[in-house]
Structures are given as C-alpha cells and as structure tokens.
Amino acid sequence: DNDRKKLPGDSANAAASWTPVNSGLANLTVASLAIDPNIAGTGYVGPESGGVFKTTNRGASWKAVNAGLPNLEILSLAIAASDTRVLYTGTAGNGVFRSVTAAASTEEQTKIDSH
C-alpha cells in the first residue's frame, strides 16, 4: 500500500519472508500472543497447550512462566495498558489469572475473583 507511512526498518520486501521463532515452545499451535509495547523484545505466547511462555529476546528463545496456573490451556493473553508488568491470562475452564510482575517465573499468578 503506497499510502502507508514508511517506518524505520521498512524495506521493499517487508513481510515477504518470515523467520520461525519457536525455540523453547512446548506446542506450536499458538492461541494467543501479546507484545509488551514498552520493553523492546519482550512478549508472551499462549500455545494451545503448555501454558504461558515469555521471551525477552524477540522470540529467539521462550521460557515457561506457569507458576500458579492450574490449567495450561491458554485461550487469551492481555497486557494492561496502565502497567505493562500486569499480564492477564484467560484459561480453558479455570477463568482468568493475573500476574503483576511481568509473569516472573518465581511468581504465582493469582485468579481473578468473579464476585
């Protein structure tokens, strides 16, 4: 599209080639993806099974961050706009969980009460 504003790093073949960034993922069927808008290279992925995975190196490697999640079937992920250390995880059958420290692997995610 010629009307689109050029961004740094744009090239004539932007998105013409893709590179897999799957190292460390337990499952390659991805149900959800969230990219931290404030911390370059940081993102989260929720595969169909296996829980939540975090990258801090633009997807070169992924680490499971599932402490406190009773169900590793992730349906959705969202980063809070007000504080990108807050991550919400929607699970299959166990509700929504919140992490307040960017899903640090030693931190237990807590369930959001439905009341």
C-alpha atoms as a PDB file:
ATOM      1  CA  ASP A   1       0.000   0.000   0.000  1.00  0.00           C
ATOM      2  CA  ASN A   2       1.657   3.224  -1.153  1.00  0.00           C
ATOM      3  CA  ASP A   3      -0.366   5.356   1.298  1.00  0.00           C
ATOM      4  CA  ARG A   4       1.201   3.673   4.325  1.00  0.00           C
ATOM      5  CA  LYS A   5       3.781   5.722   6.227  1.00  0.00           C
ATOM      6  CA  LYS A   6       7.298   4.248   5.976  1.00  0.00           C
ATOM      7  CA  LEU A   7       8.675   3.048   9.299  1.00  0.00           C
ATOM      8  CA  PRO A   8      12.322   2.572  10.329  1.00  0.00           C
ATOM      9  CA  GLY A   9      13.485  -0.793   9.027  1.00  0.00           C
ATOM     10  CA  ASP A  10      10.931  -0.892   6.201  1.00  0.00           C
ATOM     11  CA  SER A  11      12.167  -2.454   3.008  1.00  0.00           C
ATOM     12  CA  ALA A  12      10.715  -3.271  -0.377  1.00  0.00           C
ATOM     13  CA  ASN A  13      10.042  -6.842   0.756  1.00  0.00           C
ATOM     14  CA  ALA A  14       8.841  -6.190   4.329  1.00  0.00           C
ATOM     15  CA  ALA A  15       6.925  -9.312   5.458  1.00  0.00           C
ATOM     16  CA  ALA A  16       7.881 -11.107   2.241  1.00  0.00           C
ATOM     17  CA  SER A  17       9.948 -13.522   4.292  1.00  0.00           C
ATOM     18  CA  TRP A  18       9.303 -14.935   7.746  1.00  0.00           C
ATOM     19  CA  THR A  19      11.666 -16.491  10.264  1.00  0.00           C
ATOM     20  CA  PRO A  20      10.419 -19.048  12.809  1.00  0.00           C
ATOM     21  CA  VAL A  21      10.949 -18.002  16.444  1.00  0.00           C
ATOM     22  CA  ASN A  22       9.776 -21.146  18.238  1.00  0.00           C
ATOM     23  CA  SER A  23      12.779 -22.241  20.310  1.00  0.00           C
ATOM     24  CA  GLY A  24      11.529 -23.430  23.699  1.00  0.00           C
ATOM     25  CA  LEU A  25       7.805 -23.542  22.956  1.00  0.00           C
ATOM     26  CA  ALA A  26       6.053 -26.709  24.132  1.00  0.00           C
ATOM     27  CA  ASN A  27       3.421 -26.525  21.397  1.00  0.00           C
ATOM     28  CA  LEU A  28       3.482 -24.742  18.049  1.00  0.00           C
ATOM     29  CA  THR A  29      -0.291 -24.238  17.832  1.00  0.00           C
ATOM     30  CA  VAL A  30      -0.474 -20.697  19.182  1.00  0.00           C
ATOM     31  CA  ALA A  31      -3.800 -19.465  20.536  1.00  0.00           C
ATOM     32  CA  SER A  32      -2.669 -16.054  21.804  1.00  0.00           C
ATOM     33  CA  LEU A  33       0.200 -13.577  21.535  1.00  0.00           C
ATOM     34  CA  ALA A  34       0.890 -10.339  23.451  1.00  0.00           C
ATOM     35  CA  ILE A  35       3.808  -7.984  22.821  1.00  0.00           C
ATOM     36  CA  ASP A  36       4.992  -5.563  25.510  1.00  0.00           C
ATOM     37  CA  PRO A  37       4.788  -2.089  23.948  1.00  0.00           C
ATOM     38  CA  ASN A  38       7.269  -0.604  26.447  1.00  0.00           C
ATOM     39  CA  ILE A  39      10.046  -3.204  26.673  1.00  0.00           C
ATOM     40  CA  ALA A  40      11.701  -3.994  23.360  1.00  0.00           C
ATOM     41  CA  GLY A  41      11.914  -7.694  22.586  1.00  0.00           C
ATOM     42  CA  THR A  42       9.516  -8.802  25.339  1.00  0.00           C
ATOM     43  CA  GLY A  43       6.407 -10.787  24.552  1.00  0.00           C
ATOM     44  CA  TYR A  44       4.184 -13.628  25.685  1.00  0.00           C
ATOM     45  CA  VAL A  45       2.656 -16.529  23.827  1.00  0.00           C
ATOM     46  CA  GLY A  46      -0.128 -18.884  24.843  1.00  0.00           C
ATOM     47  CA  PRO A  47       0.061 -22.116  22.867  1.00  0.00           C
ATOM     48  CA  GLU A  48      -2.940 -24.428  22.641  1.00  0.00           C
ATOM     49  CA  SER A  49      -1.336 -26.415  25.489  1.00  0.00           C
ATOM     50  CA  GLY A  50       1.754 -25.990  27.630  1.00  0.00           C
ATOM     51  CA  GLY A  51       0.940 -22.725  29.388  1.00  0.00           C
ATOM     52  CA  VAL A  52       2.317 -19.212  29.045  1.00  0.00           C
ATOM     53  CA  PHE A  53       5.767 -18.595  27.585  1.00  0.00           C
ATOM     54  CA  LYS A  54       7.792 -15.383  27.761  1.00  0.00           C
ATOM     55  CA  THR A  55      10.563 -14.040  25.540  1.00  0.00           C
ATOM     56  CA  THR A  56      12.885 -11.154  26.309  1.00  0.00           C
ATOM     57  CA  ASN A  57      14.964 -11.529  23.129  1.00  0.00           C
ATOM     58  CA  ARG A  58      12.458 -11.036  20.295  1.00  0.00           C
ATOM     59  CA  GLY A  59      11.472 -14.706  20.194  1.00  0.00           C
ATOM     60  CA  ALA A  60      14.973 -16.195  19.914  1.00  0.00           C
ATOM     61  CA  SER A  61      14.041 -18.280  22.973  1.00  0.00           C
ATOM     62  CA  TRP A  62      10.949 -18.767  25.142  1.00  0.00           C
ATOM     63  CA  LYS A  63      10.674 -19.718  28.827  1.00  0.00           C
ATOM     64  CA  ALA A  64       7.578 -21.192  30.515  1.00  0.00           C
ATOM     65  CA  VAL A  65       6.095 -18.910  33.201  1.00  0.00           C
ATOM     66  CA  ASN A  66       3.288 -21.051  34.603  1.00  0.00           C
ATOM     67  CA  ALA A  67       3.580 -20.828  38.400  1.00  0.00           C
ATOM     68  CA  GLY A  68       0.055 -20.786  39.825  1.00  0.00           C
ATOM     69  CA  LEU A  69      -1.778 -21.723  36.635  1.00  0.00           C
ATOM     70  CA  PRO A  70      -3.927 -24.822  37.253  1.00  0.00           C
ATOM     71  CA  ASN A  71      -4.749 -25.190  33.560  1.00  0.00           C
ATOM     72  CA  LEU A  72      -2.094 -24.851  30.865  1.00  0.00           C
ATOM     73  CA  GLU A  73      -4.601 -24.463  28.030  1.00  0.00           C
ATOM     74  CA  ILE A  74      -4.334 -20.736  27.348  1.00  0.00           C
ATOM     75  CA  LEU A  75      -7.053 -19.038  25.324  1.00  0.00           C
ATOM     76  CA  SER A  76      -6.070 -15.383  25.666  1.00  0.00           C
ATOM     77  CA  LEU A  77      -3.362 -13.031  26.905  1.00  0.00           C
ATOM     78  CA  ALA A  78      -3.531  -9.280  27.519  1.00  0.00           C
ATOM     79  CA  ILE A  79      -1.035  -6.750  28.809  1.00  0.00           C
ATOM     80  CA  ALA A  80      -2.524  -3.923  30.889  1.00  0.00           C
ATOM     81  CA  ALA A  81      -2.188  -0.557  29.170  1.00  0.00           C
ATOM     82  CA  SER A  82      -1.705   1.194  32.515  1.00  0.00           C
ATOM     83  CA  ASP A  83       1.199  -1.031  33.639  1.00  0.00           C
ATOM     84  CA  THR A  84       2.872  -3.491  31.271  1.00  0.00           C
ATOM     85  CA  ARG A  85       4.070  -5.600  34.218  1.00  0.00           C
ATOM     86  CA  VAL A  86       0.439  -6.711  34.593  1.00  0.00           C
ATOM     87  CA  LEU A  87      -0.464  -9.672  32.387  1.00  0.00           C
ATOM     88  CA  TYR A  88      -3.902 -11.280  32.219  1.00  0.00           C
ATOM     89  CA  THR A  89      -4.248 -14.914  31.155  1.00  0.00           C
ATOM     90  CA  GLY A  90      -7.528 -16.491  30.092  1.00  0.00           C
ATOM     91  CA  THR A  91      -7.593 -20.260  30.556  1.00  0.00           C
ATOM     92  CA  ALA A  92      -9.901 -23.017  29.333  1.00  0.00           C
ATOM     93  CA  GLY A  93     -12.252 -23.792  32.202  1.00  0.00           C
ATOM     94  CA  ASN A  94     -10.357 -22.145  35.079  1.00  0.00           C
ATOM     95  CA  GLY A  95     -11.092 -18.486  34.436  1.00  0.00           C
ATOM     96  CA  VAL A  96      -8.773 -15.502  34.290  1.00  0.00           C
ATOM     97  CA  PHE A  97      -5.465 -15.127  36.126  1.00  0.00           C
ATOM     98  CA  ARG A  98      -3.328 -12.040  36.730  1.00  0.00           C
ATOM     99  CA  SER A  99       0.421 -11.635  37.089  1.00  0.00           C
ATOM    100  CA  VAL A 100       1.630  -8.287  38.464  1.00  0.00           C
ATOM    101  CA  THR A 101       5.376  -8.739  37.892  1.00  0.00           C
ATOM    102  CA  ALA A 102       5.568  -9.447  34.161  1.00  0.00           C
ATOM    103  CA  ALA A 103       4.988 -13.193  34.715  1.00  0.00           C
ATOM    104  CA  ALA A 104       8.244 -13.692  36.579  1.00  0.00           C
ATOM    105  CA  SER A 105       8.772 -17.457  36.693  1.00  0.00           C
ATOM    106  CA  THR A 106       9.020 -17.457  40.506  1.00  0.00           C
ATOM    107  CA  GLU A 107       5.806 -15.504  40.978  1.00  0.00           C
ATOM    108  CA  GLU A 108       2.492 -17.269  41.306  1.00  0.00           C
ATOM    109  CA  GLN A 109      -0.271 -15.954  39.102  1.00  0.00           C
ATOM    110  CA  THR A 110      -3.477 -15.270  41.007  1.00  0.00           C
ATOM    111  CA  LYS A 111      -7.035 -15.980  39.922  1.00  0.00           C
ATOM    112  CA  ILE A 112      -9.354 -13.043  39.392  1.00  0.00           C
ATOM    113  CA  ASP A 113     -12.407 -13.496  41.642  1.00  0.00           C
ATOM    114  CA  SER A 114     -15.674 -13.470  39.723  1.00  0.00           C
ATOM    115  CA  HIS A 115     -17.626 -11.783  42.536  1.00  0.00           C
END
